[in-house]
Full PDB file with SEQRES, HELIX, SHEET, SSBOND, CRYST1, ORIGX, SCALE, CONECT and MASTER records, all heavy atoms in Angstrom:
SEQRES   1 A   32  ALA GLY LEU VAL LEU TRP ALA GLY ALA ALA PRO ALA GLN          
SEQRES   2 A   32  GLN VAL PRO ARG VAL GLU ALA VAL TYR HIS HIS ALA GLY          
SEQRES   3 A   32  VAL PRO GLY ARG PRO GLU                                      
HELIX    1 AA1 ALA A    7  ALA A    9  5                                   3    
CRYST1    1.000    1.000    1.000  90.00  90.00  90.00 P 1           1          
ORIGX1      1.000000  0.000000  0.000000        0.00000                         
ORIGX2      0.000000  1.000000  0.000000        0.00000                         
ORIGX3      0.000000  0.000000  1.000000        0.00000                         
SCALE1      1.000000  0.000000  0.000000        0.00000                         
SCALE2      0.000000  1.000000  0.000000        0.00000                         
SCALE3      0.000000  0.000000  1.000000        0.00000                         
ATOM      1  N   ALA A   1      51.707 -91.222 -90.929  1.00  0.00           N  
ATOM      2  CA  ALA A   1      51.336 -90.227 -89.923  1.00  0.00           C  
ATOM      3  C   ALA A   1      52.554 -89.404 -89.555  1.00  0.00           C  
ATOM      4  O   ALA A   1      53.621 -89.925 -89.310  1.00  0.00           O  
ATOM      5  CB  ALA A   1      50.792 -90.922 -88.679  1.00  0.00           C  
ATOM      6  N   GLY A   2      52.378 -88.145 -89.541  1.00  0.00           N  
ATOM      7  CA  GLY A   2      53.510 -87.270 -89.234  1.00  0.00           C  
ATOM      8  C   GLY A   2      54.535 -87.308 -90.337  1.00  0.00           C  
ATOM      9  O   GLY A   2      55.702 -87.558 -90.072  1.00  0.00           O  
ATOM     10  N   LEU A   3      54.123 -87.119 -91.605  1.00  0.00           N  
ATOM     11  CA  LEU A   3      55.086 -87.128 -92.708  1.00  0.00           C  
ATOM     12  C   LEU A   3      56.266 -86.245 -92.371  1.00  0.00           C  
ATOM     13  O   LEU A   3      57.390 -86.521 -92.734  1.00  0.00           O  
ATOM     14  CB  LEU A   3      54.395 -86.648 -93.994  1.00  0.00           C  
ATOM     15  CG  LEU A   3      55.244 -86.601 -95.245  1.00  0.00           C  
ATOM     16  CD1 LEU A   3      55.738 -87.999 -95.588  1.00  0.00           C  
ATOM     17  CD2 LEU A   3      54.456 -86.024 -96.399  1.00  0.00           C  
ATOM     18  N   VAL A   4      56.013 -85.179 -91.688  1.00  0.00           N  
ATOM     19  CA  VAL A   4      57.060 -84.389 -91.064  1.00  0.00           C  
ATOM     20  C   VAL A   4      56.585 -84.020 -89.681  1.00  0.00           C  
ATOM     21  O   VAL A   4      55.481 -84.358 -89.289  1.00  0.00           O  
ATOM     22  CB  VAL A   4      57.392 -83.137 -91.896  1.00  0.00           C  
ATOM     23  CG1 VAL A   4      58.184 -83.491 -93.115  1.00  0.00           C  
ATOM     24  CG2 VAL A   4      56.151 -82.399 -92.269  1.00  0.00           C  
ATOM     25  N   LEU A   5      57.381 -83.327 -88.891  1.00  0.00           N  
ATOM     26  CA  LEU A   5      57.076 -83.096 -87.486  1.00  0.00           C  
ATOM     27  C   LEU A   5      56.025 -82.020 -87.287  1.00  0.00           C  
ATOM     28  O   LEU A   5      55.733 -81.232 -88.167  1.00  0.00           O  
ATOM     29  CB  LEU A   5      58.364 -82.709 -86.747  1.00  0.00           C  
ATOM     30  CG  LEU A   5      59.553 -83.625 -87.009  1.00  0.00           C  
ATOM     31  CD1 LEU A   5      60.746 -83.153 -86.206  1.00  0.00           C  
ATOM     32  CD2 LEU A   5      59.210 -85.050 -86.670  1.00  0.00           C  
ATOM     33  N   TRP A   6      55.458 -81.991 -86.083  1.00  0.00           N  
ATOM     34  CA  TRP A   6      54.441 -80.994 -85.759  1.00  0.00           C  
ATOM     35  C   TRP A   6      55.020 -79.598 -85.889  1.00  0.00           C  
ATOM     36  O   TRP A   6      56.132 -79.317 -85.474  1.00  0.00           O  
ATOM     37  CB  TRP A   6      53.940 -81.228 -84.334  1.00  0.00           C  
ATOM     38  CG  TRP A   6      52.967 -80.205 -83.877  1.00  0.00           C  
ATOM     39  CD1 TRP A   6      51.774 -79.881 -84.452  1.00  0.00           C  
ATOM     40  CD2 TRP A   6      53.094 -79.347 -82.746  1.00  0.00           C  
ATOM     41  NE1 TRP A   6      51.161 -78.888 -83.767  1.00  0.00           N  
ATOM     42  CE2 TRP A   6      51.948 -78.532 -82.703  1.00  0.00           C  
ATOM     43  CE3 TRP A   6      54.070 -79.183 -81.761  1.00  0.00           C  
ATOM     44  CZ2 TRP A   6      51.754 -77.580 -81.720  1.00  0.00           C  
ATOM     45  CZ3 TRP A   6      53.872 -78.230 -80.781  1.00  0.00           C  
ATOM     46  CH2 TRP A   6      52.719 -77.446 -80.769  1.00  0.00           C  
ATOM     47  N   ALA A   7      54.253 -78.691 -86.473  1.00  0.00           N  
ATOM     48  CA  ALA A   7      54.768 -77.364 -86.830  1.00  0.00           C  
ATOM     49  C   ALA A   7      55.363 -76.647 -85.638  1.00  0.00           C  
ATOM     50  O   ALA A   7      56.412 -76.012 -85.735  1.00  0.00           O  
ATOM     51  CB  ALA A   7      53.635 -76.520 -87.444  1.00  0.00           C  
ATOM     52  N   GLY A   8      54.729 -76.723 -84.489  1.00  0.00           N  
ATOM     53  CA  GLY A   8      55.223 -75.991 -83.340  1.00  0.00           C  
ATOM     54  C   GLY A   8      56.545 -76.498 -82.831  1.00  0.00           C  
ATOM     55  O   GLY A   8      57.227 -75.819 -82.073  1.00  0.00           O  
ATOM     56  N   ALA A   9      56.937 -77.727 -83.220  1.00  0.00           N  
ATOM     57  CA  ALA A   9      58.175 -78.305 -82.717  1.00  0.00           C  
ATOM     58  C   ALA A   9      59.315 -78.212 -83.712  1.00  0.00           C  
ATOM     59  O   ALA A   9      60.414 -78.639 -83.441  1.00  0.00           O  
ATOM     60  CB  ALA A   9      57.952 -79.776 -82.352  1.00  0.00           C  
ATOM     61  N   ALA A  10      59.060 -77.689 -84.907  1.00  0.00           N  
ATOM     62  CA  ALA A  10      60.083 -77.673 -85.946  1.00  0.00           C  
ATOM     63  C   ALA A  10      61.085 -76.556 -85.713  1.00  0.00           C  
ATOM     64  O   ALA A  10      60.724 -75.389 -85.704  1.00  0.00           O  
ATOM     65  CB  ALA A  10      59.424 -77.494 -87.317  1.00  0.00           C  
ATOM     66  N   PRO A  11      62.363 -76.903 -85.533  1.00  0.00           N  
ATOM     67  CA  PRO A  11      63.370 -75.871 -85.339  1.00  0.00           C  
ATOM     68  C   PRO A  11      63.696 -75.187 -86.657  1.00  0.00           C  
ATOM     69  O   PRO A  11      63.333 -75.664 -87.732  1.00  0.00           O  
ATOM     70  CB  PRO A  11      64.577 -76.671 -84.825  1.00  0.00           C  
ATOM     71  CG  PRO A  11      64.394 -78.035 -85.405  1.00  0.00           C  
ATOM     72  CD  PRO A  11      62.913 -78.259 -85.456  1.00  0.00           C  
ATOM     73  N   ALA A  12      64.390 -74.068 -86.564  1.00  0.00           N  
ATOM     74  CA  ALA A  12      64.800 -73.356 -87.776  1.00  0.00           C  
ATOM     75  C   ALA A  12      65.730 -74.242 -88.595  1.00  0.00           C  
ATOM     76  O   ALA A  12      66.594 -74.915 -88.065  1.00  0.00           O  
ATOM     77  CB  ALA A  12      65.499 -72.060 -87.393  1.00  0.00           C  
ATOM     78  N   GLN A  13      65.561 -74.236 -89.897  1.00  0.00           N  
ATOM     79  CA  GLN A  13      66.349 -75.085 -90.773  1.00  0.00           C  
ATOM     80  C   GLN A  13      66.578 -74.356 -92.089  1.00  0.00           C  
ATOM     81  O   GLN A  13      65.671 -73.714 -92.615  1.00  0.00           O  
ATOM     82  CB  GLN A  13      65.630 -76.413 -91.008  1.00  0.00           C  
ATOM     83  CG  GLN A  13      66.421 -77.422 -91.810  1.00  0.00           C  
ATOM     84  CD  GLN A  13      65.603 -78.675 -92.078  1.00  0.00           C  
ATOM     85  OE1 GLN A  13      64.631 -78.653 -92.819  1.00  0.00           O  
ATOM     86  NE2 GLN A  13      65.980 -79.775 -91.450  1.00  0.00           N  
ATOM     87  N   GLN A  14      67.797 -74.454 -92.587  1.00  0.00           N  
ATOM     88  CA  GLN A  14      68.116 -73.838 -93.862  1.00  0.00           C  
ATOM     89  C   GLN A  14      67.393 -74.605 -94.963  1.00  0.00           C  
ATOM     90  O   GLN A  14      67.615 -75.802 -95.144  1.00  0.00           O  
ATOM     91  CB  GLN A  14      69.634 -73.867 -94.098  1.00  0.00           C  
ATOM     92  CG  GLN A  14      70.097 -73.014 -95.276  1.00  0.00           C  
ATOM     93  CD  GLN A  14      70.018 -71.529 -94.968  1.00  0.00           C  
ATOM     94  OE1 GLN A  14      69.982 -71.139 -93.807  1.00  0.00           O  
ATOM     95  NE2 GLN A  14      70.002 -70.703 -96.003  1.00  0.00           N  
ATOM     96  N   VAL A  15      66.505 -73.939 -95.683  1.00  0.00           N  
ATOM     97  CA  VAL A  15      65.708 -74.610 -96.705  1.00  0.00           C  
ATOM     98  C   VAL A  15      66.134 -74.114 -98.078  1.00  0.00           C  
ATOM     99  O   VAL A  15      66.014 -72.923 -98.375  1.00  0.00           O  
ATOM    100  CB  VAL A  15      64.204 -74.346 -96.491  1.00  0.00           C  
ATOM    101  CG1 VAL A  15      63.389 -75.043 -97.580  1.00  0.00           C  
ATOM    102  CG2 VAL A  15      63.771 -74.831 -95.110  1.00  0.00           C  
ATOM    103  N   PRO A  16      66.616 -75.001 -98.946  1.00  0.00           N  
ATOM    104  CA  PRO A  16      67.010 -74.573-100.287  1.00  0.00           C  
ATOM    105  C   PRO A  16      65.796 -74.358-101.176  1.00  0.00           C  
ATOM    106  O   PRO A  16      64.694 -74.839-100.882  1.00  0.00           O  
ATOM    107  CB  PRO A  16      67.851 -75.738-100.794  1.00  0.00           C  
ATOM    108  CG  PRO A  16      67.259 -76.927-100.104  1.00  0.00           C  
ATOM    109  CD  PRO A  16      66.843 -76.441 -98.740  1.00  0.00           C  
ATOM    110  N   ARG A  17      65.991 -73.647-102.237  1.00  0.00           N  
ATOM    111  CA  ARG A  17      64.939 -73.428-103.233  1.00  0.00           C  
ATOM    112  C   ARG A  17      65.201 -74.387-104.395  1.00  0.00           C  
ATOM    113  O   ARG A  17      66.304 -74.427-104.946  1.00  0.00           O  
ATOM    114  CB  ARG A  17      64.976 -71.978-103.722  1.00  0.00           C  
ATOM    115  CG  ARG A  17      63.969 -71.635-104.824  1.00  0.00           C  
ATOM    116  CD  ARG A  17      64.200 -70.204-105.253  1.00  0.00           C  
ATOM    117  NE  ARG A  17      63.403 -69.815-106.394  1.00  0.00           N  
ATOM    118  CZ  ARG A  17      62.193 -69.250-106.312  1.00  0.00           C  
ATOM    119  NH1 ARG A  17      61.677 -69.011-105.122  1.00  0.00           N  
ATOM    120  NH2 ARG A  17      61.521 -68.902-107.391  1.00  0.00           N  
ATOM    121  N   VAL A  18      64.215 -75.162-104.743  1.00  0.00           N  
ATOM    122  CA  VAL A  18      64.343 -76.127-105.830  1.00  0.00           C  
ATOM    123  C   VAL A  18      63.804 -75.513-107.112  1.00  0.00           C  
ATOM    124  O   VAL A  18      62.696 -74.957-107.129  1.00  0.00           O  
ATOM    125  CB  VAL A  18      63.578 -77.423-105.510  1.00  0.00           C  
ATOM    126  CG1 VAL A  18      63.680 -78.409-106.666  1.00  0.00           C  
ATOM    127  CG2 VAL A  18      64.098 -78.046-104.222  1.00  0.00           C  
ATOM    128  N   GLU A  19      64.583 -75.609-108.177  1.00  0.00           N  
ATOM    129  CA  GLU A  19      64.164 -75.079-109.469  1.00  0.00           C  
ATOM    130  C   GLU A  19      63.655 -76.219-110.345  1.00  0.00           C  
ATOM    131  O   GLU A  19      64.391 -77.153-110.653  1.00  0.00           O  
ATOM    132  CB  GLU A  19      65.338 -74.380-110.165  1.00  0.00           C  
ATOM    133  CG  GLU A  19      65.931 -73.208-109.402  1.00  0.00           C  
ATOM    134  CD  GLU A  19      64.989 -72.014-109.352  1.00  0.00           C  
ATOM    135  OE1 GLU A  19      64.106 -71.919-110.236  1.00  0.00           O  
ATOM    136  OE2 GLU A  19      65.134 -71.192-108.431  1.00  0.00           O  
ATOM    137  N   ALA A  20      62.384 -76.159-110.728  1.00  0.00           N  
ATOM    138  CA  ALA A  20      61.829 -77.099-111.693  1.00  0.00           C  
ATOM    139  C   ALA A  20      61.976 -76.457-113.067  1.00  0.00           C  
ATOM    140  O   ALA A  20      61.141 -75.655-113.490  1.00  0.00           O  
ATOM    141  CB  ALA A  20      60.364 -77.399-111.389  1.00  0.00           C  
ATOM    142  N   VAL A  21      63.064 -76.771-113.736  1.00  0.00           N  
ATOM    143  CA  VAL A  21      63.392 -76.098-114.991  1.00  0.00           C  
ATOM    144  C   VAL A  21      62.441 -76.535-116.098  1.00  0.00           C  
ATOM    145  O   VAL A  21      61.918 -77.653-116.094  1.00  0.00           O  
ATOM    146  CB  VAL A  21      64.852 -76.385-115.403  1.00  0.00           C  
ATOM    147  CG1 VAL A  21      65.819 -75.827-114.364  1.00  0.00           C  
ATOM    148  CG2 VAL A  21      65.083 -77.875-115.583  1.00  0.00           C  
ATOM    149  N   TYR A  22      62.211 -75.623-117.039  1.00  0.00           N  
ATOM    150  CA  TYR A  22      61.368 -75.922-118.184  1.00  0.00           C  
ATOM    151  C   TYR A  22      62.180 -76.670-119.227  1.00  0.00           C  
ATOM    152  O   TYR A  22      63.263 -76.233-119.636  1.00  0.00           O  
ATOM    153  CB  TYR A  22      60.812 -74.631-118.787  1.00  0.00           C  
ATOM    154  CG  TYR A  22      60.076 -74.842-120.090  1.00  0.00           C  
ATOM    155  CD1 TYR A  22      58.927 -75.627-120.138  1.00  0.00           C  
ATOM    156  CD2 TYR A  22      60.525 -74.256-121.267  1.00  0.00           C  
ATOM    157  CE1 TYR A  22      58.242 -75.832-121.327  1.00  0.00           C  
ATOM    158  CE2 TYR A  22      59.850 -74.435-122.465  1.00  0.00           C  
ATOM    159  CZ  TYR A  22      58.714 -75.237-122.492  1.00  0.00           C  
ATOM    160  OH  TYR A  22      58.038 -75.426-123.674  1.00  0.00           O  
ATOM    161  N   HIS A  23      61.657 -77.824-119.658  1.00  0.00           N  
ATOM    162  CA  HIS A  23      62.334 -78.655-120.657  1.00  0.00           C  
ATOM    163  C   HIS A  23      61.340 -78.928-121.779  1.00  0.00           C  
ATOM    164  O   HIS A  23      60.433 -79.758-121.645  1.00  0.00           O  
ATOM    165  CB  HIS A  23      62.790 -79.969-119.996  1.00  0.00           C  
ATOM    166  CG  HIS A  23      63.729 -80.772-120.834  1.00  0.00           C  
ATOM    167  ND1 HIS A  23      63.344 -81.884-121.541  1.00  0.00           N  
ATOM    168  CD2 HIS A  23      65.053 -80.612-121.085  1.00  0.00           C  
ATOM    169  CE1 HIS A  23      64.382 -82.386-122.182  1.00  0.00           C  
ATOM    170  NE2 HIS A  23      65.428 -81.638-121.918  1.00  0.00           N  
ATOM    171  N   HIS A  24      61.495 -78.223-122.876  1.00  0.00           N  
ATOM    172  CA  HIS A  24      60.473 -78.258-123.928  1.00  0.00           C  
ATOM    173  C   HIS A  24      60.342 -79.619-124.585  1.00  0.00           C  
ATOM    174  O   HIS A  24      59.295 -79.944-125.159  1.00  0.00           O  
ATOM    175  CB  HIS A  24      60.797 -77.204-125.004  1.00  0.00           C  
ATOM    176  CG  HIS A  24      62.034 -77.510-125.785  1.00  0.00           C  
ATOM    177  ND1 HIS A  24      62.016 -78.290-126.914  1.00  0.00           N  
ATOM    178  CD2 HIS A  24      63.331 -77.157-125.579  1.00  0.00           C  
ATOM    179  CE1 HIS A  24      63.250 -78.399-127.380  1.00  0.00           C  
ATOM    180  NE2 HIS A  24      64.066 -77.726-126.599  1.00  0.00           N  
ATOM    181  N   ALA A  25      61.389 -80.460-124.509  1.00  0.00           N  
ATOM    182  CA  ALA A  25      61.357 -81.751-125.200  1.00  0.00           C  
ATOM    183  C   ALA A  25      60.653 -82.846-124.396  1.00  0.00           C  
ATOM    184  O   ALA A  25      60.661 -84.001-124.807  1.00  0.00           O  
ATOM    185  CB  ALA A  25      62.794 -82.189-125.521  1.00  0.00           C  
ATOM    186  N   GLY A  26      60.061 -82.499-123.283  1.00  0.00           N  
ATOM    187  CA  GLY A  26      59.367 -83.494-122.468  1.00  0.00           C  
ATOM    188  C   GLY A  26      60.185 -83.892-121.256  1.00  0.00           C  
ATOM    189  O   GLY A  26      61.405 -83.713-121.227  1.00  0.00           O  
ATOM    190  N   VAL A  27      59.509 -84.430-120.240  1.00  0.00           N  
ATOM    191  CA  VAL A  27      60.200 -84.816-119.016  1.00  0.00           C  
ATOM    192  C   VAL A  27      60.502 -86.309-119.052  1.00  0.00           C  
ATOM    193  O   VAL A  27      59.695 -87.110-119.532  1.00  0.00           O  
ATOM    194  CB  VAL A  27      59.378 -84.468-117.766  1.00  0.00           C  
ATOM    195  CG1 VAL A  27      59.137 -82.972-117.687  1.00  0.00           C  
ATOM    196  CG2 VAL A  27      58.047 -85.219-117.742  1.00  0.00           C  
ATOM    197  N   PRO A  28      61.672 -86.726-118.561  1.00  0.00           N  
ATOM    198  CA  PRO A  28      62.014 -88.146-118.571  1.00  0.00           C  
ATOM    199  C   PRO A  28      61.283 -88.903-117.463  1.00  0.00           C  
ATOM    200  O   PRO A  28      61.105 -88.407-116.357  1.00  0.00           O  
ATOM    201  CB  PRO A  28      63.529 -88.144-118.325  1.00  0.00           C  
ATOM    202  CG  PRO A  28      63.786 -86.886-117.565  1.00  0.00           C  
ATOM    203  CD  PRO A  28      62.772 -85.889-118.073  1.00  0.00           C  
ATOM    204  N   GLY A  29      60.885 -90.127-117.785  1.00  0.00           N  
ATOM    205  CA  GLY A  29      60.214 -90.952-116.800  1.00  0.00           C  
ATOM    206  C   GLY A  29      61.146 -91.854-116.028  1.00  0.00           C  
ATOM    207  O   GLY A  29      60.775 -92.400-114.994  1.00  0.00           O  
ATOM    208  N   ARG A  30      62.383 -92.010-116.520  1.00  0.00           N  
ATOM    209  CA  ARG A  30      63.345 -92.888-115.877  1.00  0.00           C  
ATOM    210  C   ARG A  30      64.404 -92.065-115.136  1.00  0.00           C  
ATOM    211  O   ARG A  30      64.858 -91.028-115.629  1.00  0.00           O  
ATOM    212  CB  ARG A  30      64.039 -93.776-116.896  1.00  0.00           C  
ATOM    213  CG  ARG A  30      63.139 -94.782-117.601  1.00  0.00           C  
ATOM    214  CD  ARG A  30      62.658 -95.866-116.660  1.00  0.00           C  
ATOM    215  NE  ARG A  30      63.745 -96.471-115.900  1.00  0.00           N  
ATOM    216  CZ  ARG A  30      63.573 -97.393-114.960  1.00  0.00           C  
ATOM    217  NH1 ARG A  30      62.347 -97.799-114.657  1.00  0.00           N  
ATOM    218  NH2 ARG A  30      64.605 -97.895-114.310  1.00  0.00           N  
ATOM    219  N   PRO A  31      64.852 -92.518-113.955  1.00  0.00           N  
ATOM    220  CA  PRO A  31      65.841 -91.744-113.195  1.00  0.00           C  
ATOM    221  C   PRO A  31      67.222 -91.723-113.825  1.00  0.00           C  
ATOM    222  O   PRO A  31      68.014 -90.824-113.545  1.00  0.00           O  
ATOM    223  CB  PRO A  31      65.865 -92.458-111.830  1.00  0.00           C  
ATOM    224  CG  PRO A  31      65.363 -93.830-112.099  1.00  0.00           C  
ATOM    225  CD  PRO A  31      64.373 -93.696-113.204  1.00  0.00           C  
ATOM    226  N   GLU A  32      67.537 -92.693-114.689  1.00  0.00           N  
ATOM    227  CA  GLU A  32      68.864 -92.728-115.308  1.00  0.00           C  
ATOM    228  C   GLU A  32      68.936 -91.931-116.608  1.00  0.00           C  
ATOM    229  O   GLU A  32      69.998 -91.887-117.262  1.00  0.00           O  
ATOM    230  CB  GLU A  32      69.292 -94.181-115.568  1.00  0.00           C  
ATOM    231  CG  GLU A  32      68.443 -94.916-116.592  1.00  0.00           C  
ATOM    232  CD  GLU A  32      67.238 -95.621-116.009  1.00  0.00           C  
ATOM    233  OE1 GLU A  32      66.775 -95.210-114.925  1.00  0.00           O  
ATOM    234  OE2 GLU A  32      66.744 -96.574-116.646  1.00  0.00           O  
TER     235      GLU A  32                                                      
MASTER        0    0    0    1    0    0    0    6  234    1    0    3          
END                                                                             
C-alpha cells in the first residue's frame, strides 16, 4: 500500500531519464 506517496504530497524531485538500450543479442537474465 502506498508503493509511493500520495500525489498531492509529493515534493518536487529531480527525476532522471532511464534509457532501455536495444541489445540485439538478447537480454541477460542474471544480474552479474
